[in-house]
PDB file of N, CA and C in Angstrom:
ATOM      1  N   UNK A   1       0.004  28.319  11.376  1.00  0.00           N
ATOM      2  CA  UNK A   1       0.113  27.971   9.971  1.00  0.00           C
ATOM      3  C   UNK A   1      -1.165  28.413   9.270  1.00  0.00           C
ATOM      4  N   UNK A   2      -0.995  29.089   8.170  1.00  0.00           N
ATOM      5  CA  UNK A   2      -2.171  29.575   7.456  1.00  0.00           C
ATOM      6  C   UNK A   2      -2.867  28.429   6.730  1.00  0.00           C
ATOM      7  N   UNK A   3      -4.153  28.608   6.517  1.00  0.00           N
ATOM      8  CA  UNK A   3      -4.926  27.572   5.848  1.00  0.00           C
ATOM      9  C   UNK A   3      -4.464  27.396   4.392  1.00  0.00           C
ATOM     10  N   UNK A   4      -4.071  28.484   3.743  1.00  0.00           N
ATOM     11  CA  UNK A   4      -3.608  28.399   2.359  1.00  0.00           C
ATOM     12  C   UNK A   4      -2.357  27.529   2.262  1.00  0.00           C
ATOM     13  N   UNK A   5      -1.441  27.688   3.203  1.00  0.00           N
ATOM     14  CA  UNK A   5      -0.220  26.884   3.203  1.00  0.00           C
ATOM     15  C   UNK A   5      -0.555  25.417   3.458  1.00  0.00           C
ATOM     16  N   UNK A   6      -1.489  25.168   4.357  1.00  0.00           N
ATOM     17  CA  UNK A   6      -1.884  23.796   4.661  1.00  0.00           C
ATOM     18  C   UNK A   6      -2.493  23.125   3.435  1.00  0.00           C
ATOM     19  N   UNK A   7      -3.319  23.825   2.678  1.00  0.00           N
ATOM     20  CA  UNK A   7      -3.935  23.274   1.471  1.00  0.00           C
ATOM     21  C   UNK A   7      -2.855  22.963   0.440  1.00  0.00           C
ATOM     22  N   UNK A   8      -1.900  23.866   0.280  1.00  0.00           N
ATOM     23  CA  UNK A   8      -0.824  23.652  -0.684  1.00  0.00           C
ATOM     24  C   UNK A   8       0.001  22.426  -0.318  1.00  0.00           C
ATOM     25  N   UNK A   9       0.237  22.208   0.965  1.00  0.00           N
ATOM     26  CA  UNK A   9       1.058  21.087   1.414  1.00  0.00           C
ATOM     27  C   UNK A   9       0.353  19.747   1.283  1.00  0.00           C
ATOM     28  N   UNK A  10      -0.964  19.741   1.257  1.00  0.00           N
ATOM     29  CA  UNK A  10      -1.709  18.471   1.209  1.00  0.00           C
ATOM     30  C   UNK A  10      -2.443  18.251  -0.112  1.00  0.00           C
ATOM     31  N   UNK A  11      -2.358  19.197  -1.032  1.00  0.00           N
ATOM     32  CA  UNK A  11      -3.098  19.071  -2.286  1.00  0.00           C
ATOM     33  C   UNK A  11      -2.687  17.818  -3.060  1.00  0.00           C
ATOM     34  N   UNK A  12      -1.398  17.465  -3.053  1.00  0.00           N
ATOM     35  CA  UNK A  12      -0.943  16.280  -3.792  1.00  0.00           C
ATOM     36  C   UNK A  12      -1.596  15.013  -3.264  1.00  0.00           C
ATOM     37  N   UNK A  13      -1.892  14.997  -1.965  1.00  0.00           N
ATOM     38  CA  UNK A  13      -2.573  13.833  -1.381  1.00  0.00           C
ATOM     39  C   UNK A  13      -3.994  13.750  -1.923  1.00  0.00           C
ATOM     40  N   UNK A  14      -4.676  14.885  -1.980  1.00  0.00           N
ATOM     41  CA  UNK A  14      -6.040  14.914  -2.512  1.00  0.00           C
ATOM     42  C   UNK A  14      -6.073  14.446  -3.962  1.00  0.00           C
ATOM     43  N   UNK A  15      -5.144  14.919  -4.771  1.00  0.00           N
ATOM     44  CA  UNK A  15      -5.109  14.553  -6.186  1.00  0.00           C
ATOM     45  C   UNK A  15      -4.890  13.055  -6.339  1.00  0.00           C
ATOM     46  N   UNK A  16      -3.921  12.510  -5.601  1.00  0.00           N
ATOM     47  CA  UNK A  16      -3.639  11.077  -5.690  1.00  0.00           C
ATOM     48  C   UNK A  16      -4.813  10.243  -5.183  1.00  0.00           C
ATOM     49  N   UNK A  17      -5.427  10.663  -4.088  1.00  0.00           N
ATOM     50  CA  UNK A  17      -6.569   9.941  -3.531  1.00  0.00           C
ATOM     51  C   UNK A  17      -7.700   9.865  -4.557  1.00  0.00           C
ATOM     52  N   UNK A  18      -8.038  11.001  -5.156  1.00  0.00           N
ATOM     53  CA  UNK A  18      -9.153  11.017  -6.101  1.00  0.00           C
ATOM     54  C   UNK A  18      -8.819  10.261  -7.388  1.00  0.00           C
ATOM     55  N   UNK A  19      -7.557  10.273  -7.803  1.00  0.00           N
ATOM     56  CA  UNK A  19      -7.152   9.499  -8.969  1.00  0.00           C
ATOM     57  C   UNK A  19      -7.394   8.013  -8.720  1.00  0.00           C
ATOM     58  N   UNK A  20      -6.914   7.522  -7.575  1.00  0.00           N
ATOM     59  CA  UNK A  20      -7.073   6.103  -7.244  1.00  0.00           C
ATOM     60  C   UNK A  20      -8.549   5.766  -7.063  1.00  0.00           C
ATOM     61  N   UNK A  21      -9.276   6.626  -6.369  1.00  0.00           N
ATOM     62  CA  UNK A  21     -10.705   6.396  -6.151  1.00  0.00           C
ATOM     63  C   UNK A  21     -11.448   6.269  -7.489  1.00  0.00           C
ATOM     64  N   UNK A  22     -11.137   7.157  -8.437  1.00  0.00           N
ATOM     65  CA  UNK A  22     -11.776   7.091  -9.750  1.00  0.00           C
ATOM     66  C   UNK A  22     -11.433   5.800 -10.484  1.00  0.00           C
ATOM     67  N   UNK A  23     -10.182   5.359 -10.391  1.00  0.00           N
ATOM     68  CA  UNK A  23      -9.770   4.128 -11.065  1.00  0.00           C
ATOM     69  C   UNK A  23     -10.467   2.904 -10.457  1.00  0.00           C
ATOM     70  N   UNK A  24     -10.667   2.914  -9.147  1.00  0.00           N
ATOM     71  CA  UNK A  24     -11.390   1.820  -8.488  1.00  0.00           C
ATOM     72  C   UNK A  24     -12.835   1.807  -8.965  1.00  0.00           C
ATOM     73  N   UNK A  25     -13.460   2.974  -8.994  1.00  0.00           N
ATOM     74  CA  UNK A  25     -14.856   3.053  -9.443  1.00  0.00           C
ATOM     75  C   UNK A  25     -15.010   2.662 -10.906  1.00  0.00           C
ATOM     76  N   UNK A  26     -13.986   2.942 -11.732  1.00  0.00           N
ATOM     77  CA  UNK A  26     -14.026   2.578 -13.155  1.00  0.00           C
ATOM     78  C   UNK A  26     -13.695   1.108 -13.389  1.00  0.00           C
ATOM     79  N   UNK A  27     -13.252   0.406 -12.349  1.00  0.00           N
ATOM     80  CA  UNK A  27     -12.914  -0.997 -12.487  1.00  0.00           C
ATOM     81  C   UNK A  27     -11.507  -1.255 -12.993  1.00  0.00           C
ATOM     82  N   UNK A  28     -10.683  -0.212 -13.077  1.00  0.00           N
ATOM     83  CA  UNK A  28      -9.305  -0.364 -13.538  1.00  0.00           C
ATOM     84  C   UNK A  28      -8.455  -0.988 -12.436  1.00  0.00           C
ATOM     85  N   UNK A  29      -8.654  -0.524 -11.201  1.00  0.00           N
ATOM     86  CA  UNK A  29      -7.947  -1.056 -10.032  1.00  0.00           C
ATOM     87  C   UNK A  29      -8.908  -1.903  -9.221  1.00  0.00           C
ATOM     88  N   UNK A  30      -8.390  -2.944  -8.603  1.00  0.00           N
ATOM     89  CA  UNK A  30      -9.184  -3.767  -7.699  1.00  0.00           C
ATOM     90  C   UNK A  30      -8.472  -3.759  -6.348  1.00  0.00           C
ATOM     91  N   UNK A  31      -9.172  -3.333  -5.331  1.00  0.00           N
ATOM     92  CA  UNK A  31      -8.602  -3.266  -3.995  1.00  0.00           C
ATOM     93  C   UNK A  31      -9.080  -4.483  -3.222  1.00  0.00           C
ATOM     94  N   UNK A  32      -8.143  -5.216  -2.645  1.00  0.00           N
ATOM     95  CA  UNK A  32      -8.517  -6.370  -1.833  1.00  0.00           C
ATOM     96  C   UNK A  32      -7.545  -6.514  -0.669  1.00  0.00           C
ATOM     97  N   UNK A  33      -8.040  -7.109   0.388  1.00  0.00           N
ATOM     98  CA  UNK A  33      -7.232  -7.324   1.587  1.00  0.00           C
ATOM     99  C   UNK A  33      -6.271  -8.496   1.365  1.00  0.00           C
ATOM    100  N   UNK A  34      -5.032  -8.311   1.780  1.00  0.00           N
ATOM    101  CA  UNK A  34      -4.044  -9.393   1.725  1.00  0.00           C
ATOM    102  C   UNK A  34      -3.560  -9.620   3.155  1.00  0.00           C
ATOM    103  N   UNK A  35      -3.808 -10.802   3.727  1.00  0.00           N
ATOM    104  CA  UNK A  35      -3.406 -11.055   5.106  1.00  0.00           C
ATOM    105  C   UNK A  35      -1.881 -11.022   5.265  1.00  0.00           C
ATOM    106  N   UNK A  36      -1.442 -10.759   6.474  1.00  0.00           N
ATOM    107  CA  UNK A  36      -0.016 -10.627   6.768  1.00  0.00           C
ATOM    108  C   UNK A  36       0.779 -11.841   6.332  1.00  0.00           C
ATOM    109  N   UNK A  37       0.236 -13.033   6.516  1.00  0.00           N
ATOM    110  CA  UNK A  37       1.002 -14.233   6.168  1.00  0.00           C
ATOM    111  C   UNK A  37       1.165 -14.413   4.658  1.00  0.00           C
ATOM    112  N   UNK A  38       0.525 -13.561   3.863  1.00  0.00           N
ATOM    113  CA  UNK A  38       0.665 -13.609   2.410  1.00  0.00           C
ATOM    114  C   UNK A  38       1.433 -12.394   1.862  1.00  0.00           C
ATOM    115  N   UNK A  39       1.901 -11.529   2.742  1.00  0.00           N
ATOM    116  CA  UNK A  39       2.619 -10.323   2.337  1.00  0.00           C
ATOM    117  C   UNK A  39       4.090 -10.645   2.110  1.00  0.00           C
ATOM    118  N   UNK A  40       4.475 -10.879   0.882  1.00  0.00           N
ATOM    119  CA  UNK A  40       5.854 -11.251   0.562  1.00  0.00           C
ATOM    120  C   UNK A  40       6.866 -10.201   1.023  1.00  0.00           C
ATOM    121  N   UNK A  41       6.611  -8.895   0.869  1.00  0.00           N
ATOM    122  CA  UNK A  41       7.611  -7.917   1.319  1.00  0.00           C
ATOM    123  C   UNK A  41       7.893  -7.967   2.822  1.00  0.00           C
ATOM    124  N   UNK A  42       6.988  -8.524   3.611  1.00  0.00           N
ATOM    125  CA  UNK A  42       7.216  -8.607   5.055  1.00  0.00           C
ATOM    126  C   UNK A  42       8.474  -9.391   5.402  1.00  0.00           C
ATOM    127  N   UNK A  43       8.882 -10.301   4.547  1.00  0.00           N
ATOM    128  CA  UNK A  43      10.074 -11.104   4.826  1.00  0.00           C
ATOM    129  C   UNK A  43      11.306 -10.202   4.927  1.00  0.00           C
ATOM    130  N   UNK A  44      11.257  -9.039   4.286  1.00  0.00           N
ATOM    131  CA  UNK A  44      12.389  -8.116   4.310  1.00  0.00           C
ATOM    132  C   UNK A  44      12.322  -7.117   5.459  1.00  0.00           C
ATOM    133  N   UNK A  45      11.171  -7.032   6.141  1.00  0.00           N
ATOM    134  CA  UNK A  45      11.013  -6.010   7.177  1.00  0.00           C
ATOM    135  C   UNK A  45      10.615  -6.546   8.544  1.00  0.00           C
ATOM    136  N   UNK A  46      10.167  -7.792   8.613  1.00  0.00           N
ATOM    137  CA  UNK A  46       9.707  -8.360   9.885  1.00  0.00           C
ATOM    138  C   UNK A  46      10.388  -9.699  10.147  1.00  0.00           C
ATOM    139  N   UNK A  47      10.476 -10.031  11.426  1.00  0.00           N
ATOM    140  CA  UNK A  47      11.038 -11.321  11.801  1.00  0.00           C
ATOM    141  C   UNK A  47      10.154 -12.440  11.283  1.00  0.00           C
ATOM    142  N   UNK A  48      10.768 -13.451  10.702  1.00  0.00           N
ATOM    143  CA  UNK A  48      10.040 -14.619  10.214  1.00  0.00           C
ATOM    144  C   UNK A  48      10.677 -15.874  10.817  1.00  0.00           C
ATOM    145  N   UNK A  49       9.843 -16.815  11.209  1.00  0.00           N
ATOM    146  CA  UNK A  49      10.367 -18.104  11.642  1.00  0.00           C
ATOM    147  C   UNK A  49      10.904 -18.832  10.410  1.00  0.00           C
ATOM    148  N   UNK A  50      11.763 -19.801  10.615  1.00  0.00           N
ATOM    149  CA  UNK A  50      12.449 -20.481   9.511  1.00  0.00           C
ATOM    150  C   UNK A  50      11.481 -21.021   8.459  1.00  0.00           C
ATOM    151  N   UNK A  51      10.420 -21.743   8.820  1.00  0.00           N
ATOM    152  CA  UNK A  51       9.531 -22.275   7.764  1.00  0.00           C
ATOM    153  C   UNK A  51       8.886 -21.171   6.910  1.00  0.00           C
ATOM    154  N   UNK A  52       8.436 -20.086   7.566  1.00  0.00           N
ATOM    155  CA  UNK A  52       7.835 -18.987   6.819  1.00  0.00           C
ATOM    156  C   UNK A  52       8.881 -18.297   5.948  1.00  0.00           C
ATOM    157  N   UNK A  53      10.076 -18.090   6.499  1.00  0.00           N
ATOM    158  CA  UNK A  53      11.146 -17.450   5.742  1.00  0.00           C
ATOM    159  C   UNK A  53      11.486 -18.264   4.496  1.00  0.00           C
ATOM    160  N   UNK A  54      11.615 -19.568   4.656  1.00  0.00           N
ATOM    161  CA  UNK A  54      11.961 -20.414   3.510  1.00  0.00           C
ATOM    162  C   UNK A  54      10.854 -20.411   2.449  1.00  0.00           C
ATOM    163  N   UNK A  55       9.609 -20.388   2.882  1.00  0.00           N
ATOM    164  CA  UNK A  55       8.501 -20.336   1.922  1.00  0.00           C
ATOM    165  C   UNK A  55       8.518 -19.023   1.146  1.00  0.00           C
ATOM    166  N   UNK A  56       8.729 -17.911   1.855  1.00  0.00           N
ATOM    167  CA  UNK A  56       8.802 -16.612   1.188  1.00  0.00           C
ATOM    168  C   UNK A  56      10.031 -16.532   0.283  1.00  0.00           C
ATOM    169  N   UNK A  57      11.135 -17.083   0.725  1.00  0.00           N
ATOM    170  CA  UNK A  57      12.368 -17.051  -0.072  1.00  0.00           C
ATOM    171  C   UNK A  57      12.146 -17.718  -1.428  1.00  0.00           C
ATOM    172  N   UNK A  58      11.399 -18.798  -1.425  1.00  0.00           N
ATOM    173  CA  UNK A  58      11.110 -19.493  -2.682  1.00  0.00           C
ATOM    174  C   UNK A  58      10.269 -18.622  -3.618  1.00  0.00           C
ATOM    175  N   UNK A  59       9.422 -17.763  -3.050  1.00  0.00           N
ATOM    176  CA  UNK A  59       8.579 -16.895  -3.868  1.00  0.00           C
ATOM    177  C   UNK A  59       9.365 -15.728  -4.468  1.00  0.00           C
ATOM    178  N   UNK A  60      10.452 -15.356  -3.800  1.00  0.00           N
ATOM    179  CA  UNK A  60      11.268 -14.246  -4.306  1.00  0.00           C
ATOM    180  C   UNK A  60      12.110 -14.756  -5.434  1.00  0.00           C
TER     181      UNK A  60
END
């Protein structure tokens, strides 16, 4: 694979990365860690025990 083709295939990633990075540095975006037990979308993709499922269900 030529280097030119590789750059073309990944350029959109570079553009998006630098856009987000600039917004974080400007204070527009705030990046913070969210632990797994607080990830509401996980209820749709991972097994949840009944108490956790019911708590997440109420949040949806």
